Each structure stands twice: as structure tokens, then as C-alpha cells.
Amino acid sequence: MNGRTLADISTGPDWVLYVVIIVFAVISVFLLLGKGAWLIAGYNTSSDKQKQKYDEKKLCRVTGGGMLAATALLAVTAVFEDVLPAESAGIMVMAIFLDCIIMIILGNTICRKKGNE
């Protein structure tokens, strides 16, 4: 550790990150309400036959929960950038990557309708 913080290694204006956090938060809430399936990549381009295999409301909620977790991690990073060590950027990236993997697994397991395996 060299004592540098995230603020020391960040480039660009902070307002961009705050705008991204706000947009992600709005999308997360929209998905958590069970709406916005058209925002889910892969699902929105699927055929109607393929879409019938999934519970759309559950899929939206799982995706919204994952988005909310990623949004929370970004918000923590933005708020505490002056305190967090520079190495925490890698940890945040790994956490968001793990969040995406969990969303994919849950989307393909608990969001499937029974009898459509």
C-alpha cells in the first residue's frame, strides 16, 4: 500500500459519477416495481415463445436488486473516495462482477416458470 486514495487516482469530474448513480437508482427502482423488462438485455430480444418460459415480474425484480447492489457500491465509492485506499477500486470491480454473475444465475433459475425447464 502506498497511501493513495481513490480520489488520488480518479480522473474526470465527480458529477459524472453522481449522474450515473442517479440514473442507475431510477432504473433499479423501476425494475424492482416489476416493470421495465424491455431494459433487460437478452430478454427484450427473445422470441415470445422464449419469454413465456420466464416469470417477467420476478426477472425484473432480480435484475433490479442486482442493479441496486451495483448502484450502492458505486455510491459508497463516490461518497468515500477521499477515504478509501486506491486498491479498493479493484475490490469494487470484483464485487460488481460477482453481482452480475449472481443476477445471471438467479435469472436462469428462480425466474423460470415451473414446468418450462
Protein backbone atom coordinates (compact mmCIF):
# COMPACT_ATOMS: atom_id res chain seq x y z
CA MET A 1 0.00 0.00 0.00
CA ASN A 2 1.27 3.37 -0.94
CA GLY A 3 -1.21 5.54 0.98
CA ARG A 4 -3.04 6.80 -2.10
CA THR A 5 -6.82 7.12 -2.08
CA LEU A 6 -9.40 6.66 -4.80
CA ALA A 7 -9.57 10.45 -5.16
CA ASP A 8 -5.85 10.47 -6.00
CA ILE A 9 -6.25 8.07 -8.92
CA SER A 10 -9.64 9.18 -10.24
CA THR A 11 -9.83 11.28 -13.36
CA GLY A 12 -12.63 13.40 -14.67
CA PRO A 13 -15.32 15.36 -12.91
CA ASP A 14 -17.13 13.82 -9.93
CA TRP A 15 -20.54 14.93 -11.19
CA VAL A 16 -20.43 12.32 -13.96
CA LEU A 17 -20.32 9.51 -11.39
CA TYR A 18 -23.18 11.09 -9.44
CA VAL A 19 -25.31 11.31 -12.61
CA VAL A 20 -24.61 7.61 -13.32
CA ILE A 21 -25.59 6.73 -9.74
CA ILE A 22 -28.87 8.63 -10.05
CA VAL A 23 -29.70 7.02 -13.41
CA PHE A 24 -28.87 3.54 -12.04
CA ALA A 25 -31.00 4.20 -8.94
CA VAL A 26 -34.00 5.22 -11.06
CA ILE A 27 -33.62 2.15 -13.29
CA SER A 28 -33.26 -0.07 -10.19
CA VAL A 29 -36.49 1.24 -8.66
CA PHE A 30 -38.29 0.87 -11.98
CA LEU A 31 -37.18 -2.76 -12.25
CA LEU A 32 -37.94 -3.51 -8.59
CA LEU A 33 -41.52 -2.44 -9.26
CA GLY A 34 -41.71 -5.32 -11.77
CA LYS A 35 -41.70 -3.09 -14.80
CA GLY A 36 -39.11 -2.41 -17.46
CA ALA A 37 -38.49 -5.88 -18.86
CA TRP A 38 -37.54 -4.10 -22.08
CA LEU A 39 -34.41 -2.88 -20.25
CA ILE A 40 -33.12 -6.42 -19.66
CA ALA A 41 -30.63 -7.36 -22.36
CA GLY A 42 -31.37 -10.72 -23.89
CA TYR A 43 -34.90 -10.88 -22.56
CA ASN A 44 -36.13 -7.95 -24.61
CA THR A 45 -34.85 -9.54 -27.84
CA SER A 46 -36.15 -13.02 -27.08
CA SER A 47 -38.99 -14.57 -29.02
CA ASP A 48 -42.44 -14.68 -27.41
CA LYS A 49 -42.04 -18.45 -27.00
CA GLN A 50 -38.78 -17.94 -25.10
CA LYS A 51 -40.29 -15.15 -22.95
CA GLN A 52 -43.11 -17.46 -21.84
CA LYS A 53 -40.54 -19.61 -20.01
CA TYR A 54 -39.79 -16.80 -17.53
CA ASP A 55 -41.74 -15.01 -14.84
CA GLU A 56 -41.29 -11.45 -16.10
CA LYS A 57 -42.04 -9.78 -12.77
CA LYS A 58 -39.51 -11.96 -10.90
CA LEU A 59 -36.92 -11.37 -13.61
CA CYS A 60 -37.42 -7.62 -13.31
CA ARG A 61 -37.10 -7.77 -9.53
CA VAL A 62 -33.93 -9.90 -9.62
CA THR A 63 -32.38 -7.54 -12.16
CA GLY A 64 -33.49 -4.51 -10.15
CA GLY A 65 -31.98 -5.96 -6.97
CA GLY A 66 -28.70 -6.59 -8.73
CA MET A 67 -28.73 -3.09 -10.19
CA LEU A 68 -29.46 -1.65 -6.76
CA ALA A 69 -26.49 -3.53 -5.27
CA ALA A 70 -24.19 -2.20 -8.01
CA THR A 71 -25.61 1.29 -7.51
CA ALA A 72 -24.96 1.08 -3.76
CA LEU A 73 -21.34 0.04 -4.39
CA LEU A 74 -20.86 2.95 -6.79
CA ALA A 75 -22.42 5.34 -4.27
CA VAL A 76 -20.12 4.12 -1.49
CA THR A 77 -17.17 4.54 -3.81
CA ALA A 78 -18.23 8.09 -4.75
CA VAL A 79 -19.00 9.25 -1.22
CA PHE A 80 -15.89 7.78 0.38
CA GLU A 81 -13.37 8.31 -2.43
CA ASP A 82 -11.26 10.56 -0.19
CA VAL A 83 -11.01 7.83 2.47
CA LEU A 84 -10.92 4.54 0.58
CA PRO A 85 -7.49 3.28 -0.48
CA ALA A 86 -6.77 3.11 -4.19
CA GLU A 87 -6.70 -0.69 -4.03
CA SER A 88 -10.41 -0.73 -3.16
CA ALA A 89 -11.22 0.06 -6.82
CA GLY A 90 -10.30 -3.50 -7.75
CA ILE A 91 -12.43 -4.87 -4.92
CA MET A 92 -15.42 -2.82 -6.10
CA VAL A 93 -14.99 -4.07 -9.67
CA MET A 94 -14.85 -7.69 -8.46
CA ALA A 95 -17.93 -7.15 -6.28
CA ILE A 96 -19.92 -5.73 -9.21
CA PHE A 97 -18.74 -8.62 -11.41
CA LEU A 98 -19.86 -11.11 -8.75
CA ASP A 99 -23.19 -9.27 -8.52
CA CYS A 100 -23.67 -9.71 -12.28
CA ILE A 101 -22.90 -13.43 -12.05
CA ILE A 102 -25.43 -13.83 -9.23
CA MET A 103 -28.06 -11.96 -11.27
CA ILE A 104 -27.48 -14.28 -14.23
CA ILE A 105 -27.72 -17.41 -12.07
CA LEU A 106 -30.88 -16.22 -10.31
CA GLY A 107 -32.41 -15.07 -13.58
CA ASN A 108 -31.92 -18.53 -15.07
CA THR A 109 -33.11 -20.46 -12.00
CA ILE A 110 -35.72 -18.84 -9.77
CA CYS A 111 -37.18 -16.70 -12.57
CA ARG A 112 -38.09 -19.69 -14.75
CA LYS A 113 -41.69 -20.76 -14.63
CA LYS A 114 -42.26 -24.23 -13.24
CA GLY A 115 -42.67 -26.91 -15.89
CA ASN A 116 -40.72 -24.98 -18.54
CA GLU A 117 -37.31 -26.48 -17.92
